[in-house]
Protein backbone atom coordinates (compact mmCIF):
# COMPACT_ATOMS: atom_id res chain seq x y z
CA MET A 1 29.27 -29.69 -8.39
CA ASN A 2 31.42 -27.00 -6.84
CA LYS A 3 30.17 -25.94 -3.42
CA LYS A 4 30.62 -22.29 -4.31
CA GLU A 5 28.13 -22.71 -7.15
CA ASN A 6 25.56 -24.51 -4.98
CA THR A 7 23.38 -21.48 -4.32
CA THR A 8 19.60 -21.65 -4.09
CA PRO A 9 17.40 -19.27 -6.09
CA ASP A 10 15.76 -18.16 -2.85
CA THR A 11 18.96 -16.62 -1.46
CA TYR A 12 17.95 -13.13 -2.53
CA THR A 13 14.44 -13.50 -1.10
CA ASN A 14 15.67 -14.92 2.20
CA THR A 15 18.22 -12.13 2.56
CA THR A 16 15.55 -9.55 1.70
CA HIS A 17 13.20 -10.85 4.38
CA LYS A 18 16.00 -10.96 6.94
CA ILE A 19 17.09 -7.37 6.30
CA GLY A 20 13.47 -6.23 5.98
CA LYS A 21 12.50 -7.64 9.38
CA ILE A 22 15.49 -5.99 11.04
CA THR A 23 14.97 -2.58 9.43
CA ASN A 24 11.22 -2.62 10.08
CA THR A 25 11.80 -3.47 13.73
CA ILE A 26 14.29 -0.60 14.06
CA ALA A 27 11.84 1.77 12.34
CA ILE A 28 9.00 0.78 14.70
CA LEU A 29 11.22 1.30 17.75
CA LEU A 30 12.31 4.71 16.49
CA LEU A 31 8.71 5.73 15.87
CA LEU A 32 7.72 4.66 19.37
CA MET A 33 10.65 6.58 20.86
CA VAL A 34 9.27 9.92 19.64
CA PRO A 35 6.10 9.94 21.81
CA ALA A 36 7.96 8.17 24.61
CA VAL A 37 10.68 10.84 24.79
CA ILE A 38 8.17 13.69 24.47
CA THR A 39 6.11 12.19 27.30
CA LEU A 40 9.14 11.72 29.53
CA VAL A 41 10.44 15.25 28.93
CA TYR A 42 7.27 17.34 28.73
CA GLY A 43 4.54 15.16 30.18
CA LYS A 44 5.66 14.79 33.77
CA ASP A 45 2.62 16.65 35.06
CA VAL A 46 0.19 14.89 32.71
CA LYS A 47 -1.97 12.21 34.29
CA ILE A 48 -2.55 9.36 31.88
CA GLN A 49 -5.99 7.77 32.08
CA PHE A 50 -5.19 4.18 31.27
CA SER A 51 -8.81 3.10 30.78
CA ASN A 52 -9.39 5.76 28.11
CA THR A 53 -6.01 5.04 26.55
CA ILE A 54 -6.68 1.31 26.27
CA SER A 55 -10.15 1.99 24.87
CA ALA A 56 -8.66 4.27 22.21
CA ILE A 57 -6.01 1.67 21.33
CA ILE A 58 -8.65 -1.03 20.92
CA THR A 59 -10.79 1.22 18.72
CA LEU A 60 -7.89 2.22 16.47
CA THR A 61 -6.62 -1.35 16.27
CA ALA A 62 -10.06 -2.59 15.19
CA ILE A 63 -10.08 -0.03 12.37
CA TYR A 64 -6.49 0.15 11.19
CA GLY A 65 -5.69 -3.47 11.97
CA VAL A 66 -7.99 -4.53 9.15
CA VAL A 67 -6.55 -1.79 6.91
CA SER A 68 -3.01 -3.02 7.55
CA LEU A 69 -3.97 -6.60 6.76
CA VAL A 70 -5.76 -5.64 3.56
CA GLU A 71 -2.92 -3.40 2.38
CA VAL A 72 -0.30 -6.08 2.90
CA VAL A 73 -2.37 -8.72 1.09
CA SER A 74 -3.41 -6.49 -1.82
CA PHE A 75 -0.26 -4.35 -2.29
CA SER A 76 2.53 -6.90 -1.76
CA PRO A 77 2.08 -8.72 -5.11
CA PHE A 78 2.73 -5.43 -6.91
CA LEU A 79 5.43 -4.08 -4.58
CA GLY A 80 7.55 -7.22 -4.35
CA SER A 81 9.27 -8.49 -1.21
CA ALA A 82 11.93 -5.77 -0.90
CA GLY A 83 9.51 -3.11 -2.12
CA THR A 84 6.98 -4.12 0.53
CA TYR A 85 9.42 -3.65 3.40
CA LEU A 86 10.65 -0.36 1.96
CA SER A 87 7.15 0.93 1.29
CA PHE A 88 5.82 0.18 4.75
CA ILE A 89 8.81 1.92 6.31
CA THR A 90 8.57 5.11 4.24
CA GLY A 91 4.75 5.16 4.01
CA ASN A 92 2.40 6.90 1.56
CA ILE A 93 1.98 3.65 -0.33
CA MET A 94 -1.28 4.36 -2.12
CA ASN A 95 -0.27 7.78 -3.45
CA MET A 96 3.43 7.26 -4.22
CA LYS A 97 4.91 3.78 -3.80
CA LEU A 98 2.21 1.70 -5.47
CA PRO A 99 1.95 4.01 -8.52
CA ALA A 100 5.74 3.99 -8.87
CA ALA A 101 5.91 0.19 -8.74
CA THR A 102 3.00 -0.50 -11.10
CA ASN A 103 4.10 2.16 -13.57
CA ALA A 104 7.65 0.77 -13.62
CA LEU A 105 6.30 -2.70 -14.39
CA ARG A 106 4.07 -1.35 -17.14
CA VAL A 107 6.73 0.81 -18.79
CA ASN A 108 9.26 -2.02 -18.83
CA ASN A 109 6.61 -4.57 -19.90
CA ILE A 110 7.50 -6.91 -17.05
CA GLU A 111 5.10 -9.18 -15.19
CA ARG A 112 4.79 -8.85 -11.44
CA GLY A 113 6.10 -11.76 -9.38
CA THR A 114 9.11 -12.37 -11.61
CA ASP A 115 12.76 -11.83 -10.68
CA GLU A 116 12.97 -8.90 -13.09
CA GLY A 117 9.80 -7.43 -11.60
CA GLU A 118 11.28 -7.72 -8.11
CA VAL A 119 14.33 -5.67 -9.12
CA ILE A 120 12.31 -3.10 -11.07
CA THR A 121 9.80 -2.45 -8.28
CA THR A 122 12.55 -2.19 -5.67
CA LEU A 123 14.43 0.41 -7.72
CA ALA A 124 11.24 2.35 -8.47
CA ILE A 125 10.10 2.41 -4.85
CA GLY A 126 13.60 3.35 -3.66
CA ALA A 127 13.76 6.24 -6.12
CA SER A 128 10.25 7.32 -5.15
CA SER A 129 11.20 7.29 -1.46
CA ILE A 130 14.30 9.39 -2.05
CA VAL A 131 12.51 11.91 -4.27
CA THR A 132 9.58 12.17 -1.85
CA THR A 133 11.86 12.72 1.13
CA VAL A 134 13.93 15.36 -0.66
CA ILE A 135 10.87 17.24 -1.92
CA LEU A 136 9.19 17.15 1.48
CA PHE A 137 12.36 18.37 3.15
CA LEU A 138 12.85 21.21 0.69
CA GLY A 139 9.18 22.11 0.86
CA MET A 140 9.25 22.16 4.63
CA LEU A 141 12.48 24.16 4.67
CA PHE A 142 11.80 26.76 2.00
CA LEU A 143 8.30 26.62 0.54
CA GLY A 144 6.11 25.47 3.42
CA GLN A 145 4.63 28.88 4.19
CA LEU A 146 4.08 29.63 0.48
CA LEU A 147 2.62 26.31 -0.68
CA VAL A 148 0.29 25.52 2.21
CA PRO A 149 -2.11 28.44 1.57
CA ILE A 150 -2.20 27.60 -2.16
CA ILE A 151 -2.74 23.86 -1.70
CA THR A 152 -5.38 24.29 0.99
CA GLY A 153 -7.11 27.13 -0.86
CA PRO A 154 -10.65 26.75 -2.20
CA ALA A 155 -9.47 26.64 -5.83
CA LEU A 156 -7.26 23.52 -5.49
CA ALA A 157 -8.93 21.84 -2.52
CA PRO A 158 -11.33 19.71 -4.65
CA ALA A 159 -8.42 18.43 -6.76
CA PHE A 160 -6.33 17.36 -3.77
CA ASN A 161 -9.36 15.75 -2.15
CA ASN A 162 -9.66 13.42 -5.15
CA VAL A 163 -6.00 12.52 -5.69
CA THR A 164 -6.32 8.99 -4.32
CA PRO A 165 -9.44 8.03 -6.34
CA ALA A 166 -7.87 9.48 -9.49
CA LEU A 167 -4.63 7.52 -9.02
CA THR A 168 -6.48 4.35 -8.10
CA GLY A 169 -8.69 4.56 -11.18
CA ALA A 170 -5.79 5.31 -13.51
CA LEU A 171 -3.73 2.43 -12.14
CA ALA A 172 -6.58 -0.06 -11.92
CA MET A 173 -8.03 0.50 -15.39
CA PRO A 174 -5.20 -1.28 -17.32
CA TYR A 175 -5.58 -4.33 -15.08
CA PHE A 176 -9.36 -4.23 -15.42
CA MET A 177 -9.06 -4.11 -19.20
CA LYS A 178 -6.51 -6.92 -19.18
CA ASN A 179 -8.71 -9.17 -17.01
CA LYS A 180 -12.25 -8.20 -17.98
CA LYS A 181 -13.74 -11.57 -17.07
CA LEU A 182 -12.48 -11.27 -13.49
CA SER A 183 -12.85 -7.54 -12.98
CA ILE A 184 -16.46 -7.15 -14.13
CA PRO A 185 -18.03 -9.09 -11.18
CA THR A 186 -15.97 -7.19 -8.62
CA VAL A 187 -16.64 -3.79 -10.19
CA PHE A 188 -20.34 -4.61 -10.48
CA ALA A 189 -20.49 -5.64 -6.81
CA GLY A 190 -18.70 -2.43 -5.77
CA CYS A 191 -21.05 -0.21 -7.80
CA LEU A 192 -24.10 -2.03 -6.46
CA LEU A 193 -23.00 -1.66 -2.84
CA TYR A 194 -22.18 2.00 -3.45
CA LEU A 195 -25.70 2.64 -4.74
CA LEU A 196 -27.29 0.72 -1.86
CA LEU A 197 -25.15 1.90 1.07
CA GLY A 198 -23.96 5.33 -0.04
CA TYR A 199 -20.60 7.05 -0.10
CA SER A 200 -20.39 7.98 3.59
CA PHE A 201 -20.92 4.42 4.84
CA MET A 202 -18.53 2.83 2.36
CA SER A 203 -15.79 5.42 2.94
CA ALA A 204 -16.04 4.86 6.70
CA HIS A 205 -15.70 1.07 6.32
CA TYR A 206 -13.65 0.84 3.12
CA SER A 207 -11.07 -1.53 4.62
CA TYR A 208 -13.71 -4.19 5.25
CA PHE A 209 -15.10 -3.74 1.74
CA MET A 210 -11.61 -4.10 0.25
CA LEU A 211 -11.16 -7.40 2.05
CA GLY A 212 -14.60 -8.52 0.88
CA PHE A 213 -13.87 -7.57 -2.73
CA ILE A 214 -10.63 -9.56 -2.64
CA VAL A 215 -12.60 -12.61 -1.51
CA ILE A 216 -15.29 -11.99 -4.17
CA SER A 217 -12.68 -11.68 -6.91
CA PHE A 218 -10.97 -14.90 -5.82
CA LEU A 219 -14.26 -16.82 -5.64
CA CYS A 220 -15.25 -15.52 -9.07
CA TYR A 221 -11.94 -16.70 -10.45
CA LEU A 222 -12.44 -20.18 -8.99
CA LEU A 223 -15.99 -20.39 -10.34
CA LEU A 224 -15.07 -19.17 -13.82
CA TYR A 225 -12.02 -21.45 -13.91
CA LYS A 226 -14.13 -24.48 -12.92
CA VAL A 227 -16.64 -23.87 -15.73
CA GLY A 228 -13.83 -23.28 -18.22
CA TYR A 229 -14.65 -19.63 -18.88
CA VAL A 230 -11.23 -18.52 -17.62
CA LYS A 231 -8.09 -20.41 -18.53
CA GLU A 232 -4.65 -19.88 -17.08
CA GLU A 233 -2.08 -18.68 -19.57
CA PRO A 234 1.04 -20.85 -19.82
CA LYS A 235 4.17 -19.39 -18.29
CA ARG A 236 6.78 -18.24 -20.74
């Protein structure tokens, strides 16, 4: 076999991870430079209380550390490898990047985890990132003073407060309907906990509940697969 043709199918994935690690590292350093430069230039007379600072870091890490872990585990299968790196650099995953990726897979009738799905999600997330950046820039430059009072007004405030639940429900329903046997136990457990614990408690600790629901769904799949109620479909 010709050496030039001896390429592994994981070349694209390995290259994606290599570039993704480099770009994410650069992005993190740039983000850290903003408060560092502001502190060096304008905070010379500010006395930093290290005990309070460390306490705040520990508190935020305990909260958002779990959120970060849950988001990576739950979002990555839909975003793809390249889409995951791109999404976590540009942000706003739940409202923009995840809907773009899942909708692109649905419109093109492509399964997630495939090579075609990897390309489709990367293109969709890239286009979403560009469009979002352009719109935000134009809005900030020209329409910021006009749109902010309208968006934050009492008439539209309830709608914008429920954007994330509406998107999540619209995106999750096709997958729930496609996998009723697996989704019913998880949805039932979520509704039961909501009735028992209330909205305020669950919204304050939603990251832990997300991680728990992932475990519940996986355990339900194992149990139903063992008893033969759920069977894996053959790969085409």
